[in-house]
Amino acid sequence: MILLAIAMSTLLWGDLTNLYIWVVLGVTLGFGAIGWVDDYRKVVEKNPRGLPARWKYFWQSVVGIGAAVLLYLTASTPVETSLLVPMLKEVALPLGLFYIVLTT
């Protein structure tokens, strides 16, 4: 119910032209789906283990890598894939493909 409320309120009042809104909503619903499968196996199938940890980590990694690759491929400026160092005004470290690893 919480995920439904988040999705509905985002779709009703969010700025749907902003890619970051869609990425956050997709990751939230993806992680929610993984949690739902885990709960379903525990409650309905009476399996006390639920979804095994290795599969949870696998699917969470798939969702995270998917979001990171999407953000990397849609970056329009180099600053979007750089690491900005706090306290140092002009320091921005370009990450290249390491951006995907760090974002995941």
PDB file of N, CA and C in Angstrom:
ATOM      1  N   MET A   1       0.827  -1.187   0.000  1.00  0.00           N
ATOM      2  CA  MET A   1       0.000   0.000   0.000  1.00  0.00           C
ATOM      3  C   MET A   1       0.875   1.256   0.000  1.00  0.00           C
ATOM      4  N   ILE A   2       1.990   1.193   0.708  1.00  0.00           N
ATOM      5  CA  ILE A   2       2.885   2.349   0.767  1.00  0.00           C
ATOM      6  C   ILE A   2       3.471   2.630  -0.618  1.00  0.00           C
ATOM      7  N   LEU A   3       3.902   1.573  -1.312  1.00  0.00           N
ATOM      8  CA  LEU A   3       4.464   1.767  -2.651  1.00  0.00           C
ATOM      9  C   LEU A   3       3.421   2.272  -3.627  1.00  0.00           C
ATOM     10  N   LEU A   4       2.196   1.822  -3.479  1.00  0.00           N
ATOM     11  CA  LEU A   4       1.117   2.322  -4.328  1.00  0.00           C
ATOM     12  C   LEU A   4       0.891   3.811  -4.075  1.00  0.00           C
ATOM     13  N   ALA A   5       0.915   4.213  -2.818  1.00  0.00           N
ATOM     14  CA  ALA A   5       0.749   5.628  -2.480  1.00  0.00           C
ATOM     15  C   ALA A   5       1.900   6.467  -3.028  1.00  0.00           C
ATOM     16  N   ILE A   6       3.117   5.956  -2.923  1.00  0.00           N
ATOM     17  CA  ILE A   6       4.276   6.674  -3.457  1.00  0.00           C
ATOM     18  C   ILE A   6       4.155   6.817  -4.974  1.00  0.00           C
ATOM     19  N   ALA A   7       3.815   5.722  -5.645  1.00  0.00           N
ATOM     20  CA  ALA A   7       3.716   5.757  -7.105  1.00  0.00           C
ATOM     21  C   ALA A   7       2.603   6.690  -7.564  1.00  0.00           C
ATOM     22  N   MET A   8       1.454   6.604  -6.942  1.00  0.00           N
ATOM     23  CA  MET A   8       0.328   7.454  -7.347  1.00  0.00           C
ATOM     24  C   MET A   8       0.612   8.928  -7.109  1.00  0.00           C
ATOM     25  N   SER A   9       1.156   9.256  -5.950  1.00  0.00           N
ATOM     26  CA  SER A   9       1.429  10.664  -5.663  1.00  0.00           C
ATOM     27  C   SER A   9       2.539  11.206  -6.577  1.00  0.00           C
ATOM     28  N   THR A  10       3.513  10.371  -6.893  1.00  0.00           N
ATOM     29  CA  THR A  10       4.570  10.802  -7.814  1.00  0.00           C
ATOM     30  C   THR A  10       4.001  11.045  -9.205  1.00  0.00           C
ATOM     31  N   LEU A  11       3.157  10.139  -9.678  1.00  0.00           N
ATOM     32  CA  LEU A  11       2.576  10.291 -11.002  1.00  0.00           C
ATOM     33  C   LEU A  11       1.604  11.465 -11.068  1.00  0.00           C
ATOM     34  N   LEU A  12       0.933  11.763  -9.965  1.00  0.00           N
ATOM     35  CA  LEU A  12      -0.019  12.881  -9.956  1.00  0.00           C
ATOM     36  C   LEU A  12       0.671  14.233  -9.817  1.00  0.00           C
ATOM     37  N   TRP A  13       1.669  14.325  -8.948  1.00  0.00           N
ATOM     38  CA  TRP A  13       2.228  15.632  -8.620  1.00  0.00           C
ATOM     39  C   TRP A  13       3.704  15.797  -8.960  1.00  0.00           C
ATOM     40  N   GLY A  14       4.352  14.765  -9.434  1.00  0.00           N
ATOM     41  CA  GLY A  14       5.765  14.866  -9.764  1.00  0.00           C
ATOM     42  C   GLY A  14       5.978  15.506 -11.134  1.00  0.00           C
ATOM     43  N   ASP A  15       7.177  15.994 -11.361  1.00  0.00           N
ATOM     44  CA  ASP A  15       7.551  16.550 -12.658  1.00  0.00           C
ATOM     45  C   ASP A  15       7.944  15.387 -13.566  1.00  0.00           C
ATOM     46  N   LEU A  16       7.015  14.928 -14.387  1.00  0.00           N
ATOM     47  CA  LEU A  16       7.218  13.724 -15.185  1.00  0.00           C
ATOM     48  C   LEU A  16       8.160  13.939 -16.369  1.00  0.00           C
ATOM     49  N   THR A  17       8.611  15.169 -16.569  1.00  0.00           N
ATOM     50  CA  THR A  17       9.613  15.424 -17.612  1.00  0.00           C
ATOM     51  C   THR A  17      11.025  15.240 -17.069  1.00  0.00           C
ATOM     52  N   ASN A  18      11.161  15.066 -15.760  1.00  0.00           N
ATOM     53  CA  ASN A  18      12.462  14.911 -15.121  1.00  0.00           C
ATOM     54  C   ASN A  18      12.845  13.427 -15.095  1.00  0.00           C
ATOM     55  N   LEU A  19      13.956  13.085 -15.718  1.00  0.00           N
ATOM     56  CA  LEU A  19      14.412  11.697 -15.777  1.00  0.00           C
ATOM     57  C   LEU A  19      14.665  11.121 -14.389  1.00  0.00           C
ATOM     58  N   TYR A  20      15.173  11.938 -13.478  1.00  0.00           N
ATOM     59  CA  TYR A  20      15.506  11.451 -12.138  1.00  0.00           C
ATOM     60  C   TYR A  20      14.262  10.976 -11.383  1.00  0.00           C
ATOM     61  N   ILE A  21      13.128  11.607 -11.628  1.00  0.00           N
ATOM     62  CA  ILE A  21      11.868  11.159 -11.012  1.00  0.00           C
ATOM     63  C   ILE A  21      11.563   9.734 -11.463  1.00  0.00           C
ATOM     64  N   TRP A  22      11.699   9.475 -12.756  1.00  0.00           N
ATOM     65  CA  TRP A  22      11.414   8.144 -13.289  1.00  0.00           C
ATOM     66  C   TRP A  22      12.400   7.099 -12.779  1.00  0.00           C
ATOM     67  N   VAL A  23      13.668   7.482 -12.670  1.00  0.00           N
ATOM     68  CA  VAL A  23      14.688   6.544 -12.175  1.00  0.00           C
ATOM     69  C   VAL A  23      14.397   6.175 -10.723  1.00  0.00           C
ATOM     70  N   VAL A  24      14.125   7.172  -9.896  1.00  0.00           N
ATOM     71  CA  VAL A  24      13.837   6.896  -8.481  1.00  0.00           C
ATOM     72  C   VAL A  24      12.569   6.068  -8.338  1.00  0.00           C
ATOM     73  N   LEU A  25      11.544   6.385  -9.112  1.00  0.00           N
ATOM     74  CA  LEU A  25      10.301   5.616  -9.053  1.00  0.00           C
ATOM     75  C   LEU A  25      10.536   4.175  -9.509  1.00  0.00           C
ATOM     76  N   GLY A  26      11.313   3.994 -10.576  1.00  0.00           N
ATOM     77  CA  GLY A  26      11.612   2.645 -11.055  1.00  0.00           C
ATOM     78  C   GLY A  26      12.395   1.821 -10.052  1.00  0.00           C
ATOM     79  N   VAL A  27      13.407   2.435  -9.429  1.00  0.00           N
ATOM     80  CA  VAL A  27      14.207   1.721  -8.430  1.00  0.00           C
ATOM     81  C   VAL A  27      13.345   1.386  -7.212  1.00  0.00           C
ATOM     82  N   THR A  28      12.524   2.328  -6.785  1.00  0.00           N
ATOM     83  CA  THR A  28      11.647   2.083  -5.640  1.00  0.00           C
ATOM     84  C   THR A  28      10.687   0.931  -5.918  1.00  0.00           C
ATOM     85  N   LEU A  29      10.057   0.947  -7.080  1.00  0.00           N
ATOM     86  CA  LEU A  29       9.116  -0.129  -7.417  1.00  0.00           C
ATOM     87  C   LEU A  29       9.845  -1.452  -7.669  1.00  0.00           C
ATOM     88  N   GLY A  30      11.045  -1.400  -8.224  1.00  0.00           N
ATOM     89  CA  GLY A  30      11.827  -2.625  -8.422  1.00  0.00           C
ATOM     90  C   GLY A  30      12.193  -3.279  -7.105  1.00  0.00           C
ATOM     91  N   PHE A  31      12.687  -2.463  -6.163  1.00  0.00           N
ATOM     92  CA  PHE A  31      13.019  -3.009  -4.847  1.00  0.00           C
ATOM     93  C   PHE A  31      11.760  -3.473  -4.116  1.00  0.00           C
ATOM     94  N   GLY A  32      10.664  -2.763  -4.328  1.00  0.00           N
ATOM     95  CA  GLY A  32       9.393  -3.174  -3.726  1.00  0.00           C
ATOM     96  C   GLY A  32       8.926  -4.511  -4.276  1.00  0.00           C
ATOM     97  N   ALA A  33       9.125  -4.749  -5.571  1.00  0.00           N
ATOM     98  CA  ALA A  33       8.746  -6.024  -6.179  1.00  0.00           C
ATOM     99  C   ALA A  33       9.580  -7.167  -5.604  1.00  0.00           C
ATOM    100  N   ILE A  34      10.856  -6.909  -5.386  1.00  0.00           N
ATOM    101  CA  ILE A  34      11.720  -7.934  -4.779  1.00  0.00           C
ATOM    102  C   ILE A  34      11.228  -8.258  -3.369  1.00  0.00           C
ATOM    103  N   GLY A  35      10.890  -7.235  -2.612  1.00  0.00           N
ATOM    104  CA  GLY A  35      10.352  -7.445  -1.266  1.00  0.00           C
ATOM    105  C   GLY A  35       9.022  -8.169  -1.281  1.00  0.00           C
ATOM    106  N   TRP A  36       8.192  -7.881  -2.285  1.00  0.00           N
ATOM    107  CA  TRP A  36       6.895  -8.537  -2.391  1.00  0.00           C
ATOM    108  C   TRP A  36       7.070 -10.032  -2.647  1.00  0.00           C
ATOM    109  N   VAL A  37       7.997 -10.380  -3.546  1.00  0.00           N
ATOM    110  CA  VAL A  37       8.254 -11.801  -3.829  1.00  0.00           C
ATOM    111  C   VAL A  37       8.740 -12.503  -2.563  1.00  0.00           C
ATOM    112  N   ASP A  38       9.614 -11.858  -1.819  1.00  0.00           N
ATOM    113  CA  ASP A  38      10.124 -12.427  -0.569  1.00  0.00           C
ATOM    114  C   ASP A  38       8.980 -12.654   0.417  1.00  0.00           C
ATOM    115  N   ASP A  39       8.133 -11.658   0.599  1.00  0.00           N
ATOM    116  CA  ASP A  39       7.001 -11.791   1.522  1.00  0.00           C
ATOM    117  C   ASP A  39       5.999 -12.832   1.045  1.00  0.00           C
ATOM    118  N   TYR A  40       5.747 -12.878  -0.254  1.00  0.00           N
ATOM    119  CA  TYR A  40       4.811 -13.851  -0.812  1.00  0.00           C
ATOM    120  C   TYR A  40       5.275 -15.272  -0.507  1.00  0.00           C
ATOM    121  N   ARG A  41       6.556 -15.513  -0.704  1.00  0.00           N
ATOM    122  CA  ARG A  41       7.081 -16.858  -0.436  1.00  0.00           C
ATOM    123  C   ARG A  41       6.984 -17.207   1.049  1.00  0.00           C
ATOM    124  N   LYS A  42       7.163 -16.222   1.911  1.00  0.00           N
ATOM    125  CA  LYS A  42       7.097 -16.486   3.345  1.00  0.00           C
ATOM    126  C   LYS A  42       5.668 -16.714   3.811  1.00  0.00           C
ATOM    127  N   VAL A  43       4.729 -15.899   3.342  1.00  0.00           N
ATOM    128  CA  VAL A  43       3.365 -15.951   3.846  1.00  0.00           C
ATOM    129  C   VAL A  43       2.500 -16.964   3.107  1.00  0.00           C
ATOM    130  N   VAL A  44       2.462 -16.901   1.799  1.00  0.00           N
ATOM    131  CA  VAL A  44       1.556 -17.748   1.038  1.00  0.00           C
ATOM    132  C   VAL A  44       2.111 -19.153   0.853  1.00  0.00           C
ATOM    133  N   GLU A  45       3.382 -19.231   0.479  1.00  0.00           N
ATOM    134  CA  GLU A  45       3.978 -20.547   0.243  1.00  0.00           C
ATOM    135  C   GLU A  45       4.490 -21.201   1.522  1.00  0.00           C
ATOM    136  N   LYS A  46       4.402 -20.501   2.628  1.00  0.00           N
ATOM    137  CA  LYS A  46       4.838 -21.014   3.940  1.00  0.00           C
ATOM    138  C   LYS A  46       6.303 -21.443   3.942  1.00  0.00           C
ATOM    139  N   ASN A  47       7.105 -20.722   3.179  1.00  0.00           N
ATOM    140  CA  ASN A  47       8.535 -20.993   3.115  1.00  0.00           C
ATOM    141  C   ASN A  47       9.228 -20.018   4.070  1.00  0.00           C
ATOM    142  N   PRO A  48       9.761 -20.497   5.190  1.00  0.00           N
ATOM    143  CA  PRO A  48      10.346 -19.574   6.173  1.00  0.00           C
ATOM    144  C   PRO A  48      11.573 -18.832   5.660  1.00  0.00           C
ATOM    145  N   ARG A  49      12.207 -19.335   4.606  1.00  0.00           N
ATOM    146  CA  ARG A  49      13.389 -18.662   4.051  1.00  0.00           C
ATOM    147  C   ARG A  49      13.011 -17.511   3.141  1.00  0.00           C
ATOM    148  N   GLY A  50      11.841 -17.582   2.527  1.00  0.00           N
ATOM    149  CA  GLY A  50      11.466 -16.559   1.572  1.00  0.00           C
ATOM    150  C   GLY A  50      12.339 -16.622   0.344  1.00  0.00           C
ATOM    151  N   LEU A  51      12.716 -15.494  -0.172  1.00  0.00           N
ATOM    152  CA  LEU A  51      13.620 -15.420  -1.313  1.00  0.00           C
ATOM    153  C   LEU A  51      15.047 -15.516  -0.791  1.00  0.00           C
ATOM    154  N   PRO A  52      15.838 -16.475  -1.277  1.00  0.00           N
ATOM    155  CA  PRO A  52      17.212 -16.611  -0.775  1.00  0.00           C
ATOM    156  C   PRO A  52      18.015 -15.324  -0.954  1.00  0.00           C
ATOM    157  N   ALA A  53      18.932 -15.097  -0.036  1.00  0.00           N
ATOM    158  CA  ALA A  53      19.706 -13.850  -0.017  1.00  0.00           C
ATOM    159  C   ALA A  53      20.463 -13.634  -1.315  1.00  0.00           C
ATOM    160  N   ARG A  54      21.011 -14.689  -1.890  1.00  0.00           N
ATOM    161  CA  ARG A  54      21.782 -14.500  -3.130  1.00  0.00           C
ATOM    162  C   ARG A  54      20.895 -13.988  -4.253  1.00  0.00           C
ATOM    163  N   TRP A  55      19.613 -14.409  -4.299  1.00  0.00           N
ATOM    164  CA  TRP A  55      18.705 -13.921  -5.330  1.00  0.00           C
ATOM    165  C   TRP A  55      18.259 -12.498  -5.041  1.00  0.00           C
ATOM    166  N   LYS A  56      18.086 -12.177  -3.760  1.00  0.00           N
ATOM    167  CA  LYS A  56      17.761 -10.787  -3.408  1.00  0.00           C
ATOM    168  C   LYS A  56      18.880  -9.863  -3.868  1.00  0.00           C
ATOM    169  N   TYR A  57      20.106 -10.208  -3.535  1.00  0.00           N
ATOM    170  CA  TYR A  57      21.254  -9.389  -3.938  1.00  0.00           C
ATOM    171  C   TYR A  57      21.384  -9.328  -5.456  1.00  0.00           C
ATOM    172  N   PHE A  58      21.140 -10.442  -6.116  1.00  0.00           N
ATOM    173  CA  PHE A  58      21.226 -10.461  -7.579  1.00  0.00           C
ATOM    174  C   PHE A  58      20.224  -9.486  -8.189  1.00  0.00           C
ATOM    175  N   TRP A  59      18.955  -9.610  -7.788  1.00  0.00           N
ATOM    176  CA  TRP A  59      17.931  -8.745  -8.387  1.00  0.00           C
ATOM    177  C   TRP A  59      18.098  -7.282  -7.979  1.00  0.00           C
ATOM    178  N   GLN A  60      18.543  -7.025  -6.761  1.00  0.00           N
ATOM    179  CA  GLN A  60      18.824  -5.645  -6.361  1.00  0.00           C
ATOM    180  C   GLN A  60      19.979  -5.078  -7.188  1.00  0.00           C
ATOM    181  N   SER A  61      20.962  -5.905  -7.484  1.00  0.00           N
ATOM    182  CA  SER A  61      22.076  -5.471  -8.325  1.00  0.00           C
ATOM    183  C   SER A  61      21.617  -5.191  -9.748  1.00  0.00           C
ATOM    184  N   VAL A  62      20.729  -6.020 -10.260  1.00  0.00           N
ATOM    185  CA  VAL A  62      20.194  -5.805 -11.608  1.00  0.00           C
ATOM    186  C   VAL A  62      19.471  -4.457 -11.676  1.00  0.00           C
ATOM    187  N   VAL A  63      18.641  -4.176 -10.688  1.00  0.00           N
ATOM    188  CA  VAL A  63      17.914  -2.903 -10.656  1.00  0.00           C
ATOM    189  C   VAL A  63      18.899  -1.740 -10.522  1.00  0.00           C
ATOM    190  N   GLY A  64      19.854  -1.866  -9.620  1.00  0.00           N
ATOM    191  CA  GLY A  64      20.830  -0.797  -9.404  1.00  0.00           C
ATOM    192  C   GLY A  64      21.710  -0.548 -10.614  1.00  0.00           C
ATOM    193  N   ILE A  65      22.195  -1.603 -11.234  1.00  0.00           N
ATOM    194  CA  ILE A  65      23.039  -1.451 -12.427  1.00  0.00           C
ATOM    195  C   ILE A  65      22.221  -0.865 -13.572  1.00  0.00           C
ATOM    196  N   GLY A  66      20.984  -1.303 -13.697  1.00  0.00           N
ATOM    197  CA  GLY A  66      20.119  -0.743 -14.743  1.00  0.00           C
ATOM    198  C   GLY A  66      19.932   0.756 -14.580  1.00  0.00           C
ATOM    199  N   ALA A  67      19.683   1.189 -13.356  1.00  0.00           N
ATOM    200  CA  ALA A  67      19.521   2.624 -13.096  1.00  0.00           C
ATOM    201  C   ALA A  67      20.821   3.373 -13.349  1.00  0.00           C
ATOM    202  N   ALA A  68      21.943   2.804 -12.922  1.00  0.00           N
ATOM    203  CA  ALA A  68      23.238   3.464 -13.108  1.00  0.00           C
ATOM    204  C   ALA A  68      23.591   3.595 -14.584  1.00  0.00           C
ATOM    205  N   VAL A  69      23.358   2.551 -15.359  1.00  0.00           N
ATOM    206  CA  VAL A  69      23.652   2.598 -16.792  1.00  0.00           C
ATOM    207  C   VAL A  69      22.747   3.620 -17.480  1.00  0.00           C
ATOM    208  N   LEU A  70      21.478   3.638 -17.111  1.00  0.00           N
ATOM    209  CA  LEU A  70      20.555   4.618 -17.685  1.00  0.00           C
ATOM    210  C   LEU A  70      21.016   6.043 -17.395  1.00  0.00           C
ATOM    211  N   LEU A  71      21.395   6.309 -16.159  1.00  0.00           N
ATOM    212  CA  LEU A  71      21.874   7.644 -15.803  1.00  0.00           C
ATOM    213  C   LEU A  71      23.169   7.988 -16.541  1.00  0.00           C
ATOM    214  N   TYR A  72      24.054   7.019 -16.687  1.00  0.00           N
ATOM    215  CA  TYR A  72      25.322   7.255 -17.382  1.00  0.00           C
ATOM    216  C   TYR A  72      25.083   7.559 -18.865  1.00  0.00           C
ATOM    217  N   LEU A  73      24.215   6.777 -19.496  1.00  0.00           N
ATOM    218  CA  LEU A  73      23.984   6.940 -20.932  1.00  0.00           C
ATOM    219  C   LEU A  73      23.209   8.214 -21.263  1.00  0.00           C
ATOM    220  N   THR A  74      22.419   8.702 -20.329  1.00  0.00           N
ATOM    221  CA  THR A  74      21.620   9.902 -20.596  1.00  0.00           C
ATOM    222  C   THR A  74      22.264  11.175 -20.075  1.00  0.00           C
ATOM    223  N   ALA A  75      23.462  11.087 -19.516  1.00  0.00           N
ATOM    224  CA  ALA A  75      24.149  12.285 -19.017  1.00  0.00           C
ATOM    225  C   ALA A  75      24.485  13.190 -20.198  1.00  0.00           C
ATOM    226  N   SER A  76      24.075  14.446 -20.105  1.00  0.00           N
ATOM    227  CA  SER A  76      24.287  15.363 -21.220  1.00  0.00           C
ATOM    228  C   SER A  76      25.550  16.204 -21.053  1.00  0.00           C
ATOM    229  N   THR A  77      26.055  16.308 -19.830  1.00  0.00           N
ATOM    230  CA  THR A  77      27.281  17.070 -19.591  1.00  0.00           C
ATOM    231  C   THR A  77      28.239  16.222 -18.766  1.00  0.00           C
ATOM    232  N   PRO A  78      29.540  16.466 -18.881  1.00  0.00           N
ATOM    233  CA  PRO A  78      30.514  15.685 -18.100  1.00  0.00           C
ATOM    234  C   PRO A  78      30.353  15.862 -16.595  1.00  0.00           C
ATOM    235  N   VAL A  79      29.799  16.979 -16.173  1.00  0.00           N
ATOM    236  CA  VAL A  79      29.624  17.226 -14.739  1.00  0.00           C
ATOM    237  C   VAL A  79      28.646  16.225 -14.116  1.00  0.00           C
ATOM    238  N   GLU A  80      27.716  15.698 -14.910  1.00  0.00           N
ATOM    239  CA  GLU A  80      26.729  14.749 -14.393  1.00  0.00           C
ATOM    240  C   GLU A  80      27.358  13.412 -14.022  1.00  0.00           C
ATOM    241  N   THR A  81      28.509  13.109 -14.575  1.00  0.00           N
ATOM    242  CA  THR A  81      29.184  11.852 -14.245  1.00  0.00           C
ATOM    243  C   THR A  81      30.515  12.108 -13.539  1.00  0.00           C
ATOM    244  N   SER A  82      30.631  13.237 -12.892  1.00  0.00           N
ATOM    245  CA  SER A  82      31.843  13.586 -12.146  1.00  0.00           C
ATOM    246  C   SER A  82      31.557  13.559 -10.654  1.00  0.00           C
ATOM    247  N   LEU A  83      32.602  13.356  -9.890  1.00  0.00           N
ATOM    248  CA  LEU A  83      32.499  13.394  -8.435  1.00  0.00           C
ATOM    249  C   LEU A  83      32.918  14.782  -7.972  1.00  0.00           C
ATOM    250  N   LEU A  84      31.964  15.532  -7.424  1.00  0.00           N
ATOM    251  CA  LEU A  84      32.249  16.867  -6.920  1.00  0.00           C
ATOM    252  C   LEU A  84      32.723  16.744  -5.481  1.00  0.00           C
ATOM    253  N   VAL A  85      33.876  17.304  -5.180  1.00  0.00           N
ATOM    254  CA  VAL A  85      34.475  17.169  -3.863  1.00  0.00           C
ATOM    255  C   VAL A  85      33.984  18.321  -2.980  1.00  0.00           C
ATOM    256  N   PRO A  86      33.295  18.001  -1.870  1.00  0.00           N
ATOM    257  CA  PRO A  86      32.836  19.056  -0.972  1.00  0.00           C
ATOM    258  C   PRO A  86      34.017  19.820  -0.385  1.00  0.00           C
ATOM    259  N   MET A  87      33.802  21.039  -0.046  1.00  0.00           N
ATOM    260  CA  MET A  87      34.785  21.932   0.571  1.00  0.00           C
ATOM    261  C   MET A  87      35.807  22.480  -0.431  1.00  0.00           C
ATOM    262  N   LEU A  88      35.955  21.854  -1.558  1.00  0.00           N
ATOM    263  CA  LEU A  88      36.877  22.343  -2.584  1.00  0.00           C
ATOM    264  C   LEU A  88      36.032  22.779  -3.780  1.00  0.00           C
ATOM    265  N   LYS A  89      35.935  24.077  -3.985  1.00  0.00           N
ATOM    266  CA  LYS A  89      34.971  24.617  -4.939  1.00  0.00           C
ATOM    267  C   LYS A  89      35.162  24.139  -6.375  1.00  0.00           C
ATOM    268  N   GLU A  90      36.365  24.056  -6.817  1.00  0.00           N
ATOM    269  CA  GLU A  90      36.602  23.789  -8.236  1.00  0.00           C
ATOM    270  C   GLU A  90      37.057  22.364  -8.539  1.00  0.00           C
ATOM    271  N   VAL A  91      36.978  21.461  -7.566  1.00  0.00           N
ATOM    272  CA  VAL A  91      37.469  20.102  -7.794  1.00  0.00           C
ATOM    273  C   VAL A  91      36.311  19.202  -8.213  1.00  0.00           C
ATOM    274  N   ALA A  92      36.424  18.660  -9.421  1.00  0.00           N
ATOM    275  CA  ALA A  92      35.450  17.699  -9.938  1.00  0.00           C
ATOM    276  C   ALA A  92      36.247  16.580 -10.612  1.00  0.00           C
ATOM    277  N   LEU A  93      36.128  15.389 -10.081  1.00  0.00           N
ATOM    278  CA  LEU A  93      36.866  14.250 -10.618  1.00  0.00           C
ATOM    279  C   LEU A  93      36.010  13.514 -11.646  1.00  0.00           C
ATOM    280  N   PRO A  94      36.399  13.514 -12.919  1.00  0.00           N
ATOM    281  CA  PRO A  94      35.636  12.761 -13.918  1.00  0.00           C
ATOM    282  C   PRO A  94      35.774  11.261 -13.651  1.00  0.00           C
ATOM    283  N   LEU A  95      34.661  10.568 -13.580  1.00  0.00           N
ATOM    284  CA  LEU A  95      34.680   9.157 -13.195  1.00  0.00           C
ATOM    285  C   LEU A  95      34.677   8.192 -14.376  1.00  0.00           C
ATOM    286  N   GLY A  96      34.197   8.623 -15.516  1.00  0.00           N
ATOM    287  CA  GLY A  96      34.101   7.709 -16.663  1.00  0.00           C
ATOM    288  C   GLY A  96      33.179   6.551 -16.346  1.00  0.00           C
ATOM    289  N   LEU A  97      33.577   5.346 -16.730  1.00  0.00           N
ATOM    290  CA  LEU A  97      32.748   4.172 -16.469  1.00  0.00           C
ATOM    291  C   LEU A  97      32.687   3.794 -14.994  1.00  0.00           C
ATOM    292  N   PHE A  98      33.633   4.291 -14.187  1.00  0.00           N
ATOM    293  CA  PHE A  98      33.573   4.025 -12.741  1.00  0.00           C
ATOM    294  C   PHE A  98      32.323   4.654 -12.133  1.00  0.00           C
ATOM    295  N   TYR A  99      31.710   5.610 -12.854  1.00  0.00           N
ATOM    296  CA  TYR A  99      30.451   6.221 -12.402  1.00  0.00           C
ATOM    297  C   TYR A  99      29.385   5.144 -12.196  1.00  0.00           C
ATOM    298  N   ILE A 100      29.343   4.166 -13.099  1.00  0.00           N
ATOM    299  CA  ILE A 100      28.339   3.105 -12.983  1.00  0.00           C
ATOM    300  C   ILE A 100      28.573   2.292 -11.719  1.00  0.00           C
ATOM    301  N   VAL A 101      29.822   1.972 -11.415  1.00  0.00           N
ATOM    302  CA  VAL A 101      30.146   1.202 -10.209  1.00  0.00           C
ATOM    303  C   VAL A 101      29.767   2.003  -8.960  1.00  0.00           C
ATOM    304  N   LEU A 102      30.168   3.259  -8.921  1.00  0.00           N
ATOM    305  CA  LEU A 102      29.897   4.095  -7.747  1.00  0.00           C
ATOM    306  C   LEU A 102      28.393   4.338  -7.577  1.00  0.00           C
ATOM    307  N   THR A 103      27.683   4.536  -8.661  1.00  0.00           N
ATOM    308  CA  THR A 103      26.240   4.787  -8.592  1.00  0.00           C
ATOM    309  C   THR A 103      25.472   3.541  -8.176  1.00  0.00           C
ATOM    310  N   THR A 104      25.920   2.381  -8.639  1.00  0.00           N
ATOM    311  CA  THR A 104      25.253   1.135  -8.272  1.00  0.00           C
ATOM    312  C   THR A 104      25.340   0.917  -6.793  1.00  0.00           C
TER     313      THR A 104
END
